[in-house]
Amino acid sequence: MREIDRTHHEVVVEETATKAAVWVFGAFALFGLIAFRGASGSVRALGITLTVFLASLALCGSVRSLFVADRGRRILVVRRRIGKLSYEKVYPAGDIDRVFVHSTINGSGLSLRFKSGRRKGLTMSLGFGDNLEDTAAALNEFLYTPHRG
């Protein structure tokens, strides 16, 4: 995760695709197709399930995300792209309590906490060592929401 642009009116943060995950899980999915191709019955069903699961992990790893906190329009825009497909979600700053770092055993990521109490994960991948606290603070600053530790 890295900040790619900052002006007086907005900050843009990018979460790049995790190429290692794409290659590893994609290779395992391909191996699963080959390994279970001659199987039948429940073994084949298990193989297909495992292959689809691994392929979906590879697909998640290939997502590129942009987070744009626009001070002037008071919105947070989340743009996701996978190849040619793209998706955009806009969150009004007035609905957001704060952007925060959530930590799990698998790593850390960014999440939104809404004023309603609902939470939503922002990042697709989890990692260690990313300076996510600074990223959350920058997004909060541009959304005019307080940053709490």
C-alpha atoms as a PDB file:
ATOM      1  CA  MET A   1       0.000   0.000   0.000  1.00  0.00           C
ATOM      2  CA  ARG A   2       1.388   3.392  -0.951  1.00  0.00           C
ATOM      3  CA  GLU A   3       0.289   6.975  -1.339  1.00  0.00           C
ATOM      4  CA  ILE A   4       0.519   7.887  -5.025  1.00  0.00           C
ATOM      5  CA  ASP A   5      -0.861  11.430  -5.079  1.00  0.00           C
ATOM      6  CA  ARG A   6      -1.631  14.229  -2.649  1.00  0.00           C
ATOM      7  CA  THR A   7      -3.017  17.655  -3.425  1.00  0.00           C
ATOM      8  CA  HIS A   8      -4.719  20.213  -1.228  1.00  0.00           C
ATOM      9  CA  HIS A   9      -8.076  18.621  -2.090  1.00  0.00           C
ATOM     10  CA  GLU A  10      -7.424  14.891  -2.148  1.00  0.00           C
ATOM     11  CA  VAL A  11      -5.147  12.026  -1.268  1.00  0.00           C
ATOM     12  CA  VAL A  12      -4.909   8.897  -3.451  1.00  0.00           C
ATOM     13  CA  VAL A  13      -3.689   5.617  -1.986  1.00  0.00           C
ATOM     14  CA  GLU A  14      -3.010   2.491  -4.055  1.00  0.00           C
ATOM     15  CA  GLU A  15      -3.136  -1.138  -3.054  1.00  0.00           C
ATOM     16  CA  THR A  16      -1.364  -3.054  -5.787  1.00  0.00           C
ATOM     17  CA  ALA A  17      -2.125  -6.576  -6.872  1.00  0.00           C
ATOM     18  CA  THR A  18      -0.293  -9.278  -4.911  1.00  0.00           C
ATOM     19  CA  LYS A  19       1.504 -10.997  -7.775  1.00  0.00           C
ATOM     20  CA  ALA A  20       3.082 -13.671  -5.576  1.00  0.00           C
ATOM     21  CA  ALA A  21      -0.381 -14.783  -4.396  1.00  0.00           C
ATOM     22  CA  VAL A  22      -1.644 -14.849  -7.977  1.00  0.00           C
ATOM     23  CA  TRP A  23       1.223 -17.084  -9.086  1.00  0.00           C
ATOM     24  CA  VAL A  24       1.190 -19.418  -6.076  1.00  0.00           C
ATOM     25  CA  PHE A  25      -2.570 -19.932  -5.827  1.00  0.00           C
ATOM     26  CA  GLY A  26      -2.942 -19.990  -9.613  1.00  0.00           C
ATOM     27  CA  ALA A  27      -0.281 -22.710  -9.857  1.00  0.00           C
ATOM     28  CA  PHE A  28      -1.956 -24.764  -7.123  1.00  0.00           C
ATOM     29  CA  ALA A  29      -5.328 -24.383  -8.862  1.00  0.00           C
ATOM     30  CA  LEU A  30      -3.800 -25.575 -12.125  1.00  0.00           C
ATOM     31  CA  PHE A  31      -2.132 -28.473 -10.309  1.00  0.00           C
ATOM     32  CA  GLY A  32      -5.524 -29.340  -8.782  1.00  0.00           C
ATOM     33  CA  LEU A  33      -7.120 -29.456 -12.238  1.00  0.00           C
ATOM     34  CA  ILE A  34      -4.443 -31.833 -13.440  1.00  0.00           C
ATOM     35  CA  ALA A  35      -4.336 -33.980 -10.286  1.00  0.00           C
ATOM     36  CA  PHE A  36      -8.087 -34.522 -10.015  1.00  0.00           C
ATOM     37  CA  ARG A  37      -8.896 -34.803 -13.733  1.00  0.00           C
ATOM     38  CA  GLY A  38      -9.239 -38.603 -13.697  1.00  0.00           C
ATOM     39  CA  ALA A  39     -10.976 -38.839 -10.333  1.00  0.00           C
ATOM     40  CA  SER A  40     -14.628 -39.700  -9.892  1.00  0.00           C
ATOM     41  CA  GLY A  41     -17.353 -39.298  -7.324  1.00  0.00           C
ATOM     42  CA  SER A  42     -16.668 -37.486  -4.084  1.00  0.00           C
ATOM     43  CA  VAL A  43     -12.913 -37.258  -4.756  1.00  0.00           C
ATOM     44  CA  ARG A  44     -13.647 -35.367  -7.981  1.00  0.00           C
ATOM     45  CA  ALA A  45     -16.114 -33.075  -6.170  1.00  0.00           C
ATOM     46  CA  LEU A  46     -13.508 -32.352  -3.497  1.00  0.00           C
ATOM     47  CA  GLY A  47     -10.905 -31.649  -6.186  1.00  0.00           C
ATOM     48  CA  ILE A  48     -13.202 -29.252  -8.025  1.00  0.00           C
ATOM     49  CA  THR A  49     -14.068 -27.458  -4.778  1.00  0.00           C
ATOM     50  CA  LEU A  50     -10.399 -27.132  -3.845  1.00  0.00           C
ATOM     51  CA  THR A  51      -9.475 -25.919  -7.342  1.00  0.00           C
ATOM     52  CA  VAL A  52     -12.241 -23.283  -7.363  1.00  0.00           C
ATOM     53  CA  PHE A  53     -11.192 -22.108  -3.890  1.00  0.00           C
ATOM     54  CA  LEU A  54      -7.537 -21.749  -4.923  1.00  0.00           C
ATOM     55  CA  ALA A  55      -8.494 -20.005  -8.169  1.00  0.00           C
ATOM     56  CA  SER A  56     -10.662 -17.534  -6.214  1.00  0.00           C
ATOM     57  CA  LEU A  57      -7.698 -16.748  -3.931  1.00  0.00           C
ATOM     58  CA  ALA A  58      -5.583 -16.082  -7.023  1.00  0.00           C
ATOM     59  CA  LEU A  59      -8.335 -13.834  -8.377  1.00  0.00           C
ATOM     60  CA  CYS A  60      -8.518 -11.857  -5.103  1.00  0.00           C
ATOM     61  CA  GLY A  61      -4.759 -11.392  -5.195  1.00  0.00           C
ATOM     62  CA  SER A  62      -4.970  -9.854  -8.663  1.00  0.00           C
ATOM     63  CA  VAL A  63      -7.245  -6.988  -7.582  1.00  0.00           C
ATOM     64  CA  ARG A  64      -5.766  -3.479  -7.713  1.00  0.00           C
ATOM     65  CA  SER A  65      -7.487  -0.896  -5.507  1.00  0.00           C
ATOM     66  CA  LEU A  66      -7.391   2.891  -5.351  1.00  0.00           C
ATOM     67  CA  PHE A  67      -8.704   4.842  -2.374  1.00  0.00           C
ATOM     68  CA  VAL A  68      -9.423   8.523  -3.020  1.00  0.00           C
ATOM     69  CA  ALA A  69     -10.328  10.736  -0.058  1.00  0.00           C
ATOM     70  CA  ASP A  70     -11.704  13.951  -1.551  1.00  0.00           C
ATOM     71  CA  ARG A  71     -11.751  16.857   0.902  1.00  0.00           C
ATOM     72  CA  GLY A  72     -13.801  19.148  -1.345  1.00  0.00           C
ATOM     73  CA  ARG A  73     -16.591  16.684  -2.089  1.00  0.00           C
ATOM     74  CA  ARG A  74     -16.283  14.994   1.339  1.00  0.00           C
ATOM     75  CA  ILE A  75     -16.314  11.472  -0.068  1.00  0.00           C
ATOM     76  CA  LEU A  76     -14.189   8.347  -0.030  1.00  0.00           C
ATOM     77  CA  VAL A  77     -14.049   6.621  -3.406  1.00  0.00           C
ATOM     78  CA  VAL A  78     -12.922   2.992  -3.607  1.00  0.00           C
ATOM     79  CA  ARG A  79     -12.004   1.812  -7.117  1.00  0.00           C
ATOM     80  CA  ARG A  80     -11.200  -1.839  -7.716  1.00  0.00           C
ATOM     81  CA  ARG A  81      -9.820  -3.228 -10.938  1.00  0.00           C
ATOM     82  CA  ILE A  82      -9.205  -6.741 -12.150  1.00  0.00           C
ATOM     83  CA  GLY A  83      -7.897  -6.718 -15.693  1.00  0.00           C
ATOM     84  CA  LYS A  84     -10.406  -4.735 -17.767  1.00  0.00           C
ATOM     85  CA  LEU A  85     -13.203  -4.989 -15.192  1.00  0.00           C
ATOM     86  CA  SER A  86     -13.576  -2.167 -12.706  1.00  0.00           C
ATOM     87  CA  TYR A  87     -15.881  -1.324  -9.834  1.00  0.00           C
ATOM     88  CA  GLU A  88     -16.336   1.926  -7.947  1.00  0.00           C
ATOM     89  CA  LYS A  89     -18.009   2.532  -4.595  1.00  0.00           C
ATOM     90  CA  VAL A  90     -18.496   6.006  -3.087  1.00  0.00           C
ATOM     91  CA  TYR A  91     -18.897   6.549   0.654  1.00  0.00           C
ATOM     92  CA  PRO A  92     -20.043   9.975   1.953  1.00  0.00           C
ATOM     93  CA  ALA A  93     -17.654  11.278   4.628  1.00  0.00           C
ATOM     94  CA  GLY A  94     -20.646  12.144   6.804  1.00  0.00           C
ATOM     95  CA  ASP A  95     -21.432   8.412   7.137  1.00  0.00           C
ATOM     96  CA  ILE A  96     -17.869   7.450   8.102  1.00  0.00           C
ATOM     97  CA  ASP A  97     -16.734   7.488  11.717  1.00  0.00           C
ATOM     98  CA  ARG A  98     -13.127   6.697  10.805  1.00  0.00           C
ATOM     99  CA  VAL A  99     -10.690   4.660   8.765  1.00  0.00           C
ATOM    100  CA  PHE A 100      -8.683   2.335  10.997  1.00  0.00           C
ATOM    101  CA  VAL A 101      -6.142  -0.480  10.882  1.00  0.00           C
ATOM    102  CA  HIS A 102      -7.476  -3.912  11.793  1.00  0.00           C
ATOM    103  CA  SER A 103      -5.038  -6.643  12.755  1.00  0.00           C
ATOM    104  CA  THR A 104      -5.450 -10.388  12.494  1.00  0.00           C
ATOM    105  CA  ILE A 105      -3.116 -13.334  12.805  1.00  0.00           C
ATOM    106  CA  ASN A 106      -2.675 -13.172   9.004  1.00  0.00           C
ATOM    107  CA  GLY A 107      -1.670  -9.504   8.916  1.00  0.00           C
ATOM    108  CA  SER A 108      -3.129  -6.032   8.966  1.00  0.00           C
ATOM    109  CA  GLY A 109      -5.445  -4.125   6.656  1.00  0.00           C
ATOM    110  CA  LEU A 110      -7.585  -1.003   6.441  1.00  0.00           C
ATOM    111  CA  SER A 111     -11.242  -0.915   7.435  1.00  0.00           C
ATOM    112  CA  LEU A 112     -14.036   1.625   7.681  1.00  0.00           C
ATOM    113  CA  ARG A 113     -16.127   2.178  10.769  1.00  0.00           C
ATOM    114  CA  PHE A 114     -19.409   3.867   9.987  1.00  0.00           C
ATOM    115  CA  LYS A 115     -21.285   6.129  12.386  1.00  0.00           C
ATOM    116  CA  SER A 116     -23.982   3.444  12.465  1.00  0.00           C
ATOM    117  CA  GLY A 117     -21.449   1.055  14.049  1.00  0.00           C
ATOM    118  CA  ARG A 118     -21.115  -1.118  10.952  1.00  0.00           C
ATOM    119  CA  ARG A 119     -17.603  -2.029   9.782  1.00  0.00           C
ATOM    120  CA  LYS A 120     -16.315  -2.750   6.291  1.00  0.00           C
ATOM    121  CA  GLY A 121     -12.904  -3.966   5.205  1.00  0.00           C
ATOM    122  CA  LEU A 122     -11.202  -1.789   2.587  1.00  0.00           C
ATOM    123  CA  THR A 123      -8.062  -3.701   1.676  1.00  0.00           C
ATOM    124  CA  MET A 124      -8.097  -6.931  -0.295  1.00  0.00           C
ATOM    125  CA  SER A 125      -4.792  -8.288   0.978  1.00  0.00           C
ATOM    126  CA  LEU A 126      -3.280  -8.420   4.405  1.00  0.00           C
ATOM    127  CA  GLY A 127       0.339  -7.723   5.132  1.00  0.00           C
ATOM    128  CA  PHE A 128       2.886  -6.853   7.734  1.00  0.00           C
ATOM    129  CA  GLY A 129       5.255  -3.919   7.633  1.00  0.00           C
ATOM    130  CA  ASP A 130       3.032  -1.645   5.569  1.00  0.00           C
ATOM    131  CA  ASN A 131       2.741   1.758   7.155  1.00  0.00           C
ATOM    132  CA  LEU A 132      -1.010   1.462   7.434  1.00  0.00           C
ATOM    133  CA  GLU A 133      -1.392   3.794  10.426  1.00  0.00           C
ATOM    134  CA  ASP A 134      -0.050   6.696   8.334  1.00  0.00           C
ATOM    135  CA  THR A 135      -2.323   5.737   5.445  1.00  0.00           C
ATOM    136  CA  ALA A 136      -5.389   5.586   7.725  1.00  0.00           C
ATOM    137  CA  ALA A 137      -4.449   8.960   9.245  1.00  0.00           C
ATOM    138  CA  ALA A 138      -4.092  10.548   5.794  1.00  0.00           C
ATOM    139  CA  LEU A 139      -7.482   9.227   4.657  1.00  0.00           C
ATOM    140  CA  ASN A 140      -9.084  10.407   7.912  1.00  0.00           C
ATOM    141  CA  GLU A 141      -7.502  13.845   7.556  1.00  0.00           C
ATOM    142  CA  PHE A 142      -8.932  14.340   4.074  1.00  0.00           C
ATOM    143  CA  LEU A 143     -12.355  13.071   5.131  1.00  0.00           C
ATOM    144  CA  TYR A 144     -12.374  15.497   8.105  1.00  0.00           C
ATOM    145  CA  THR A 145     -12.816  12.633  10.499  1.00  0.00           C
ATOM    146  CA  PRO A 146     -10.779  12.444  13.690  1.00  0.00           C
ATOM    147  CA  HIS A 147      -7.976   9.899  13.844  1.00  0.00           C
ATOM    148  CA  ARG A 148      -8.095   7.864  17.008  1.00  0.00           C
ATOM    149  CA  GLY A 149      -5.437   5.287  17.862  1.00  0.00           C
END
